[in-house]
Amino acid sequence: MDTLTDGAAEHAHTTSWIASVLRGRIAAGELTPGSKLSEEPLSAALGVSRNTLRQAFTTLAGESIVTRIPNRGVFVASPGVEEVREIYRVRRMIEPAAVLWGDLTPEVLHNLEEIVQRAQEARNSGSVTDMADANQSLHRAVVALTGSASLQELMDRVLAEMRLVFYTMASAPDFHSHYVDRNVALVKQLRAGEREEAAAGLRAYLDTAEAELLEHLADSALPAGAPGSGAYGTR
């Protein structure tokens, strides 16, 4: 009985690990919206069975990060209007709260300042990808102020979805640049101990970003989960 229990636990851990790896690759921009996640090359690359991989797909489908299309396969999702709204519902609940009550140590503040400095350097060099990476890193670090592993895991899922949303903004490369200064202001307020002001500013920031994304999605009207080519190609 113990052996069976241990085996089930190990399998669950493997499934969770695969989902985490794929989620991380999506968040890093390595897997783009519409990319087909082909079972054979993925299971070989990750060293797991196709059945275990399918269970990881089920986990990611429940998070709206991948989409299953009958008789065609599993694809990295292309979030739409409702997905964006849900992303920002979550962010508005946890990020301002983290700013208000999170643990702000000198080391944490220094890390936040380094992140916004990277964002400024990326903007100055015209690197949209690096700007997006730095901005995402900042918001992940904000949630880490809570000290909650569960909230951090939730934020990782949100950031993976956010990365997919960013691809819809490819025709608006300036999208990230005007949030760099807002992030700089946020960190300065935290350094000054102005938590309530920082939380209020962050809520306004999130409202503005959501409205901008929704407007862009309405204009582009991209189909959700459209298949295409990606890092692992098609079979």
C-alpha atoms as a PDB file:
ATOM      1  CA  MET A   1       0.000   0.000   0.000  1.00  0.00           C
ATOM      2  CA  ASP A   2       2.811   2.391   0.880  1.00  0.00           C
ATOM      3  CA  THR A   3       4.508   1.663  -2.431  1.00  0.00           C
ATOM      4  CA  LEU A   4       1.360   2.485  -4.385  1.00  0.00           C
ATOM      5  CA  THR A   5       0.855   5.676  -2.396  1.00  0.00           C
ATOM      6  CA  ASP A   6       4.455   6.728  -2.926  1.00  0.00           C
ATOM      7  CA  GLY A   7       4.181   6.003  -6.635  1.00  0.00           C
ATOM      8  CA  ALA A   8       1.025   8.095  -6.980  1.00  0.00           C
ATOM      9  CA  ALA A   9       2.662  10.977  -5.121  1.00  0.00           C
ATOM     10  CA  GLU A  10       5.747  10.797  -7.331  1.00  0.00           C
ATOM     11  CA  HIS A  11       3.572  10.773 -10.466  1.00  0.00           C
ATOM     12  CA  ALA A  12       1.590  13.794  -9.246  1.00  0.00           C
ATOM     13  CA  HIS A  13       4.845  15.595  -8.548  1.00  0.00           C
ATOM     14  CA  THR A  14       6.068  14.814 -12.060  1.00  0.00           C
ATOM     15  CA  THR A  15       2.836  16.116 -13.593  1.00  0.00           C
ATOM     16  CA  SER A  16       3.092  19.291 -11.529  1.00  0.00           C
ATOM     17  CA  TRP A  17       6.729  19.709 -12.553  1.00  0.00           C
ATOM     18  CA  ILE A  18       5.915  19.353 -16.262  1.00  0.00           C
ATOM     19  CA  ALA A  19       3.124  21.906 -15.962  1.00  0.00           C
ATOM     20  CA  SER A  20       5.513  24.238 -14.160  1.00  0.00           C
ATOM     21  CA  VAL A  21       8.190  23.845 -16.862  1.00  0.00           C
ATOM     22  CA  LEU A  22       5.746  24.552 -19.674  1.00  0.00           C
ATOM     23  CA  ARG A  23       4.226  27.450 -17.758  1.00  0.00           C
ATOM     24  CA  GLY A  24       7.688  28.890 -17.248  1.00  0.00           C
ATOM     25  CA  ARG A  25       8.569  28.586 -20.934  1.00  0.00           C
ATOM     26  CA  ILE A  26       5.366  30.361 -21.872  1.00  0.00           C
ATOM     27  CA  ALA A  27       6.039  33.106 -19.303  1.00  0.00           C
ATOM     28  CA  ALA A  28       9.557  33.482 -20.729  1.00  0.00           C
ATOM     29  CA  GLY A  29       8.191  33.880 -24.244  1.00  0.00           C
ATOM     30  CA  GLU A  30       9.701  30.616 -25.520  1.00  0.00           C
ATOM     31  CA  LEU A  31       6.282  29.232 -26.452  1.00  0.00           C
ATOM     32  CA  THR A  32       4.016  31.672 -28.257  1.00  0.00           C
ATOM     33  CA  PRO A  33       0.234  31.823 -28.771  1.00  0.00           C
ATOM     34  CA  GLY A  34      -0.905  29.268 -31.312  1.00  0.00           C
ATOM     35  CA  SER A  35       2.148  27.027 -30.877  1.00  0.00           C
ATOM     36  CA  LYS A  36       1.228  23.364 -31.108  1.00  0.00           C
ATOM     37  CA  LEU A  37       2.481  21.312 -28.159  1.00  0.00           C
ATOM     38  CA  SER A  38       3.188  18.018 -29.888  1.00  0.00           C
ATOM     39  CA  GLU A  39       3.249  15.066 -27.519  1.00  0.00           C
ATOM     40  CA  GLU A  40       6.017  12.967 -29.034  1.00  0.00           C
ATOM     41  CA  PRO A  41       8.848  15.544 -29.095  1.00  0.00           C
ATOM     42  CA  LEU A  42       7.774  17.076 -25.786  1.00  0.00           C
ATOM     43  CA  SER A  43       7.591  13.781 -23.902  1.00  0.00           C
ATOM     44  CA  ALA A  44      11.025  12.819 -25.280  1.00  0.00           C
ATOM     45  CA  ALA A  45      12.546  16.202 -24.400  1.00  0.00           C
ATOM     46  CA  LEU A  46      11.146  16.119 -20.850  1.00  0.00           C
ATOM     47  CA  GLY A  47      11.801  12.421 -20.283  1.00  0.00           C
ATOM     48  CA  VAL A  48       8.224  11.566 -19.286  1.00  0.00           C
ATOM     49  CA  SER A  49       5.440   9.410 -20.642  1.00  0.00           C
ATOM     50  CA  ARG A  50       2.843  10.828 -23.001  1.00  0.00           C
ATOM     51  CA  ASN A  51       0.141   9.974 -20.465  1.00  0.00           C
ATOM     52  CA  THR A  52       1.873  12.079 -17.816  1.00  0.00           C
ATOM     53  CA  LEU A  53       2.310  14.895 -20.321  1.00  0.00           C
ATOM     54  CA  ARG A  54      -1.412  14.779 -21.120  1.00  0.00           C
ATOM     55  CA  GLN A  55      -2.213  15.199 -17.446  1.00  0.00           C
ATOM     56  CA  ALA A  56       0.013  18.266 -17.357  1.00  0.00           C
ATOM     57  CA  PHE A  57      -1.876  19.592 -20.391  1.00  0.00           C
ATOM     58  CA  THR A  58      -5.107  19.095 -18.444  1.00  0.00           C
ATOM     59  CA  THR A  59      -3.686  21.208 -15.621  1.00  0.00           C
ATOM     60  CA  LEU A  60      -2.665  23.990 -18.010  1.00  0.00           C
ATOM     61  CA  ALA A  61      -5.991  23.845 -19.849  1.00  0.00           C
ATOM     62  CA  GLY A  62      -7.715  24.437 -16.507  1.00  0.00           C
ATOM     63  CA  GLU A  63      -5.574  27.569 -16.158  1.00  0.00           C
ATOM     64  CA  SER A  64      -6.512  28.756 -19.675  1.00  0.00           C
ATOM     65  CA  ILE A  65      -2.851  28.613 -20.693  1.00  0.00           C
ATOM     66  CA  VAL A  66      -3.357  25.937 -23.348  1.00  0.00           C
ATOM     67  CA  THR A  67      -6.341  25.070 -25.523  1.00  0.00           C
ATOM     68  CA  ARG A  68      -7.386  21.605 -26.676  1.00  0.00           C
ATOM     69  CA  ILE A  69      -8.847  21.485 -30.187  1.00  0.00           C
ATOM     70  CA  PRO A  70     -10.551  18.147 -30.985  1.00  0.00           C
ATOM     71  CA  ASN A  71      -8.761  16.111 -33.669  1.00  0.00           C
ATOM     72  CA  ARG A  72      -6.049  18.761 -33.944  1.00  0.00           C
ATOM     73  CA  GLY A  73      -4.136  18.768 -30.670  1.00  0.00           C
ATOM     74  CA  VAL A  74      -3.074  21.058 -27.850  1.00  0.00           C
ATOM     75  CA  PHE A  75      -2.075  24.652 -28.552  1.00  0.00           C
ATOM     76  CA  VAL A  76      -0.735  27.506 -26.472  1.00  0.00           C
ATOM     77  CA  ALA A  77      -3.763  29.712 -25.863  1.00  0.00           C
ATOM     78  CA  SER A  78      -4.448  33.193 -27.208  1.00  0.00           C
ATOM     79  CA  PRO A  79      -6.275  34.889 -24.321  1.00  0.00           C
ATOM     80  CA  GLY A  80      -9.336  36.941 -25.207  1.00  0.00           C
ATOM     81  CA  VAL A  81     -11.385  39.640 -23.528  1.00  0.00           C
ATOM     82  CA  GLU A  82     -12.777  37.505 -20.694  1.00  0.00           C
ATOM     83  CA  GLU A  83      -9.357  36.049 -19.911  1.00  0.00           C
ATOM     84  CA  VAL A  84      -7.859  39.544 -19.692  1.00  0.00           C
ATOM     85  CA  ARG A  85     -10.639  40.666 -17.355  1.00  0.00           C
ATOM     86  CA  GLU A  86     -10.043  37.667 -15.112  1.00  0.00           C
ATOM     87  CA  ILE A  87      -6.292  38.305 -15.074  1.00  0.00           C
ATOM     88  CA  TYR A  88      -6.857  41.828 -13.836  1.00  0.00           C
ATOM     89  CA  ARG A  89      -9.464  40.759 -11.274  1.00  0.00           C
ATOM     90  CA  VAL A  90      -6.796  38.591  -9.711  1.00  0.00           C
ATOM     91  CA  ARG A  91      -4.064  41.208  -9.970  1.00  0.00           C
ATOM     92  CA  ARG A  92      -6.204  43.948  -8.410  1.00  0.00           C
ATOM     93  CA  MET A  93      -6.885  41.728  -5.416  1.00  0.00           C
ATOM     94  CA  ILE A  94      -3.359  40.561  -4.631  1.00  0.00           C
ATOM     95  CA  GLU A  95      -0.862  43.169  -5.856  1.00  0.00           C
ATOM     96  CA  PRO A  96      -2.140  46.241  -3.951  1.00  0.00           C
ATOM     97  CA  ALA A  97      -2.539  44.067  -0.847  1.00  0.00           C
ATOM     98  CA  ALA A  98       1.069  42.908  -1.188  1.00  0.00           C
ATOM     99  CA  VAL A  99       2.192  46.529  -1.450  1.00  0.00           C
ATOM    100  CA  LEU A 100       0.199  47.486   1.651  1.00  0.00           C
ATOM    101  CA  TRP A 101       1.139  44.628   3.948  1.00  0.00           C
ATOM    102  CA  GLY A 102       4.098  42.780   2.422  1.00  0.00           C
ATOM    103  CA  ASP A 103       7.480  42.423   4.068  1.00  0.00           C
ATOM    104  CA  LEU A 104       9.687  45.259   2.772  1.00  0.00           C
ATOM    105  CA  THR A 105      13.279  44.631   3.788  1.00  0.00           C
ATOM    106  CA  PRO A 106      16.273  46.662   2.551  1.00  0.00           C
ATOM    107  CA  GLU A 107      17.269  43.691   0.386  1.00  0.00           C
ATOM    108  CA  VAL A 108      13.799  43.529  -1.169  1.00  0.00           C
ATOM    109  CA  LEU A 109      13.788  47.251  -1.916  1.00  0.00           C
ATOM    110  CA  HIS A 110      17.222  46.985  -3.506  1.00  0.00           C
ATOM    111  CA  ASN A 111      15.995  44.137  -5.700  1.00  0.00           C
ATOM    112  CA  LEU A 112      12.953  46.161  -6.797  1.00  0.00           C
ATOM    113  CA  GLU A 113      15.183  49.101  -7.662  1.00  0.00           C
ATOM    114  CA  GLU A 114      17.462  46.876  -9.728  1.00  0.00           C
ATOM    115  CA  ILE A 115      14.460  45.554 -11.660  1.00  0.00           C
ATOM    116  CA  VAL A 116      13.123  48.997 -12.577  1.00  0.00           C
ATOM    117  CA  GLN A 117      16.640  50.046 -13.542  1.00  0.00           C
ATOM    118  CA  ARG A 118      16.743  47.114 -15.987  1.00  0.00           C
ATOM    119  CA  ALA A 119      13.392  48.238 -17.366  1.00  0.00           C
ATOM    120  CA  GLN A 120      14.704  51.772 -17.916  1.00  0.00           C
ATOM    121  CA  GLU A 121      17.808  50.463 -19.649  1.00  0.00           C
ATOM    122  CA  ALA A 122      15.675  48.227 -21.872  1.00  0.00           C
ATOM    123  CA  ARG A 123      13.463  51.174 -22.806  1.00  0.00           C
ATOM    124  CA  ASN A 124      16.498  53.309 -23.599  1.00  0.00           C
ATOM    125  CA  SER A 125      17.906  50.594 -25.853  1.00  0.00           C
ATOM    126  CA  GLY A 126      14.547  49.996 -27.511  1.00  0.00           C
ATOM    127  CA  SER A 127      14.245  46.373 -26.374  1.00  0.00           C
ATOM    128  CA  VAL A 128      10.524  45.650 -26.033  1.00  0.00           C
ATOM    129  CA  THR A 129      11.153  42.065 -24.915  1.00  0.00           C
ATOM    130  CA  ASP A 130      13.514  43.119 -22.130  1.00  0.00           C
ATOM    131  CA  MET A 131      11.078  45.804 -21.010  1.00  0.00           C
ATOM    132  CA  ALA A 132       8.299  43.238 -20.796  1.00  0.00           C
ATOM    133  CA  ASP A 133      10.579  40.841 -18.902  1.00  0.00           C
ATOM    134  CA  ALA A 134      11.564  43.506 -16.378  1.00  0.00           C
ATOM    135  CA  ASN A 135       7.998  44.692 -15.869  1.00  0.00           C
ATOM    136  CA  GLN A 136       6.838  41.117 -15.310  1.00  0.00           C
ATOM    137  CA  SER A 137       9.719  40.526 -12.894  1.00  0.00           C
ATOM    138  CA  LEU A 138       8.686  43.563 -10.878  1.00  0.00           C
ATOM    139  CA  HIS A 139       5.103  42.423 -10.459  1.00  0.00           C
ATOM    140  CA  ARG A 140       6.230  38.931  -9.538  1.00  0.00           C
ATOM    141  CA  ALA A 141       8.526  40.475  -6.921  1.00  0.00           C
ATOM    142  CA  VAL A 142       5.632  42.567  -5.600  1.00  0.00           C
ATOM    143  CA  VAL A 143       3.544  39.447  -4.967  1.00  0.00           C
ATOM    144  CA  ALA A 144       6.578  37.780  -3.372  1.00  0.00           C
ATOM    145  CA  LEU A 145       6.341  40.455  -0.649  1.00  0.00           C
ATOM    146  CA  THR A 146       3.449  38.443   0.777  1.00  0.00           C
ATOM    147  CA  GLY A 147       5.742  35.538   1.638  1.00  0.00           C
ATOM    148  CA  SER A 148       2.993  33.192   0.415  1.00  0.00           C
ATOM    149  CA  ALA A 149       4.026  30.303  -1.811  1.00  0.00           C
ATOM    150  CA  SER A 150       0.390  29.803  -2.859  1.00  0.00           C
ATOM    151  CA  LEU A 151      -0.010  33.400  -3.990  1.00  0.00           C
ATOM    152  CA  GLN A 152       3.328  33.243  -5.785  1.00  0.00           C
ATOM    153  CA  GLU A 153       2.203  30.129  -7.646  1.00  0.00           C
ATOM    154  CA  LEU A 154      -1.026  31.900  -8.599  1.00  0.00           C
ATOM    155  CA  MET A 155       0.943  34.905  -9.836  1.00  0.00           C
ATOM    156  CA  ASP A 156       3.180  32.646 -11.933  1.00  0.00           C
ATOM    157  CA  ARG A 157       0.060  31.383 -13.692  1.00  0.00           C
ATOM    158  CA  VAL A 158      -1.184  34.925 -14.204  1.00  0.00           C
ATOM    159  CA  LEU A 159       2.180  36.025 -15.598  1.00  0.00           C
ATOM    160  CA  ALA A 160       2.189  33.114 -18.051  1.00  0.00           C
ATOM    161  CA  GLU A 161      -1.213  34.277 -19.307  1.00  0.00           C
ATOM    162  CA  MET A 162      -0.004  37.870 -19.370  1.00  0.00           C
ATOM    163  CA  ARG A 163       2.880  36.874 -21.626  1.00  0.00           C
ATOM    164  CA  LEU A 164       0.357  35.459 -24.080  1.00  0.00           C
ATOM    165  CA  VAL A 165      -1.679  38.654 -23.921  1.00  0.00           C
ATOM    166  CA  PHE A 166       1.449  40.678 -24.697  1.00  0.00           C
ATOM    167  CA  TYR A 167       1.737  38.975 -28.077  1.00  0.00           C
ATOM    168  CA  THR A 168      -1.510  40.634 -29.097  1.00  0.00           C
ATOM    169  CA  MET A 169       0.231  43.963 -28.479  1.00  0.00           C
ATOM    170  CA  ALA A 170       2.953  43.314 -31.053  1.00  0.00           C
ATOM    171  CA  SER A 171       1.486  46.066 -33.225  1.00  0.00           C
ATOM    172  CA  ALA A 172       1.752  48.488 -30.288  1.00  0.00           C
ATOM    173  CA  PRO A 173       5.446  48.227 -29.277  1.00  0.00           C
ATOM    174  CA  ASP A 174       5.151  51.328 -27.075  1.00  0.00           C
ATOM    175  CA  PHE A 175       2.707  49.527 -24.763  1.00  0.00           C
ATOM    176  CA  HIS A 176       5.351  48.593 -22.175  1.00  0.00           C
ATOM    177  CA  SER A 177       7.374  51.806 -22.245  1.00  0.00           C
ATOM    178  CA  HIS A 178       4.899  54.099 -20.523  1.00  0.00           C
ATOM    179  CA  TYR A 179       4.513  51.661 -17.643  1.00  0.00           C
ATOM    180  CA  VAL A 180       8.220  51.785 -16.866  1.00  0.00           C
ATOM    181  CA  ASP A 181       7.894  55.211 -15.233  1.00  0.00           C
ATOM    182  CA  ARG A 182       4.870  54.016 -13.252  1.00  0.00           C
ATOM    183  CA  ASN A 183       6.934  51.127 -11.922  1.00  0.00           C
ATOM    184  CA  VAL A 184       9.773  53.496 -11.018  1.00  0.00           C
ATOM    185  CA  ALA A 185       7.292  55.702  -9.139  1.00  0.00           C
ATOM    186  CA  LEU A 186       5.873  52.671  -7.333  1.00  0.00           C
ATOM    187  CA  VAL A 187       9.289  51.595  -6.073  1.00  0.00           C
ATOM    188  CA  LYS A 188      10.139  55.144  -4.982  1.00  0.00           C
ATOM    189  CA  GLN A 189       6.929  55.286  -2.955  1.00  0.00           C
ATOM    190  CA  LEU A 190       7.770  51.977  -1.307  1.00  0.00           C
ATOM    191  CA  ARG A 191      11.266  53.220  -0.504  1.00  0.00           C
ATOM    192  CA  ALA A 192       9.689  56.323   1.095  1.00  0.00           C
ATOM    193  CA  GLY A 193       7.290  54.195   3.145  1.00  0.00           C
ATOM    194  CA  GLU A 194       4.256  55.550   1.276  1.00  0.00           C
ATOM    195  CA  ARG A 195       2.427  52.250   1.096  1.00  0.00           C
ATOM    196  CA  GLU A 196      -1.124  53.551   0.803  1.00  0.00           C
ATOM    197  CA  GLU A 197      -0.150  55.905  -1.996  1.00  0.00           C
ATOM    198  CA  ALA A 198       1.725  53.085  -3.720  1.00  0.00           C
ATOM    199  CA  ALA A 199      -1.278  50.746  -3.465  1.00  0.00           C
ATOM    200  CA  ALA A 200      -3.649  53.405  -4.846  1.00  0.00           C
ATOM    201  CA  GLY A 201      -1.244  54.139  -7.691  1.00  0.00           C
ATOM    202  CA  LEU A 202      -0.924  50.443  -8.467  1.00  0.00           C
ATOM    203  CA  ARG A 203      -4.702  50.014  -8.647  1.00  0.00           C
ATOM    204  CA  ALA A 204      -4.888  52.924 -11.112  1.00  0.00           C
ATOM    205  CA  TYR A 205      -1.985  51.379 -13.055  1.00  0.00           C
ATOM    206  CA  LEU A 206      -3.803  48.058 -13.362  1.00  0.00           C
ATOM    207  CA  ASP A 207      -7.064  49.747 -14.380  1.00  0.00           C
ATOM    208  CA  THR A 208      -5.262  51.654 -17.135  1.00  0.00           C
ATOM    209  CA  ALA A 209      -3.395  48.597 -18.412  1.00  0.00           C
ATOM    210  CA  GLU A 210      -6.565  46.494 -18.497  1.00  0.00           C
ATOM    211  CA  ALA A 211      -8.477  49.171 -20.401  1.00  0.00           C
ATOM    212  CA  GLU A 212      -5.672  49.522 -22.927  1.00  0.00           C
ATOM    213  CA  LEU A 213      -5.442  45.771 -23.504  1.00  0.00           C
ATOM    214  CA  LEU A 214      -9.211  45.382 -23.844  1.00  0.00           C
ATOM    215  CA  GLU A 215      -9.366  48.219 -26.348  1.00  0.00           C
ATOM    216  CA  HIS A 216      -6.590  46.649 -28.387  1.00  0.00           C
ATOM    217  CA  LEU A 217      -8.249  43.221 -28.307  1.00  0.00           C
ATOM    218  CA  ALA A 218     -11.528  44.730 -29.443  1.00  0.00           C
ATOM    219  CA  ASP A 219      -9.756  46.363 -32.366  1.00  0.00           C
ATOM    220  CA  SER A 220      -7.762  43.305 -33.395  1.00  0.00           C
ATOM    221  CA  ALA A 221     -10.438  40.662 -32.663  1.00  0.00           C
ATOM    222  CA  LEU A 222      -7.899  37.837 -32.695  1.00  0.00           C
ATOM    223  CA  PRO A 223      -9.361  34.293 -32.656  1.00  0.00           C
ATOM    224  CA  ALA A 224      -8.713  32.379 -29.430  1.00  0.00           C
ATOM    225  CA  GLY A 225      -6.419  29.348 -29.621  1.00  0.00           C
ATOM    226  CA  ALA A 226      -5.609  29.656 -33.315  1.00  0.00           C
ATOM    227  CA  PRO A 227      -3.103  26.988 -34.311  1.00  0.00           C
ATOM    228  CA  GLY A 228       0.298  27.894 -35.687  1.00  0.00           C
ATOM    229  CA  SER A 229       3.949  26.989 -35.519  1.00  0.00           C
ATOM    230  CA  GLY A 230       6.021  27.164 -32.363  1.00  0.00           C
ATOM    231  CA  ALA A 231       9.093  26.033 -30.515  1.00  0.00           C
ATOM    232  CA  TYR A 232       8.210  22.351 -30.858  1.00  0.00           C
ATOM    233  CA  GLY A 233       6.583  22.623 -34.273  1.00  0.00           C
ATOM    234  CA  THR A 234       3.906  20.328 -35.597  1.00  0.00           C
ATOM    235  CA  ARG A 235       4.070  16.686 -36.251  1.00  0.00           C
END
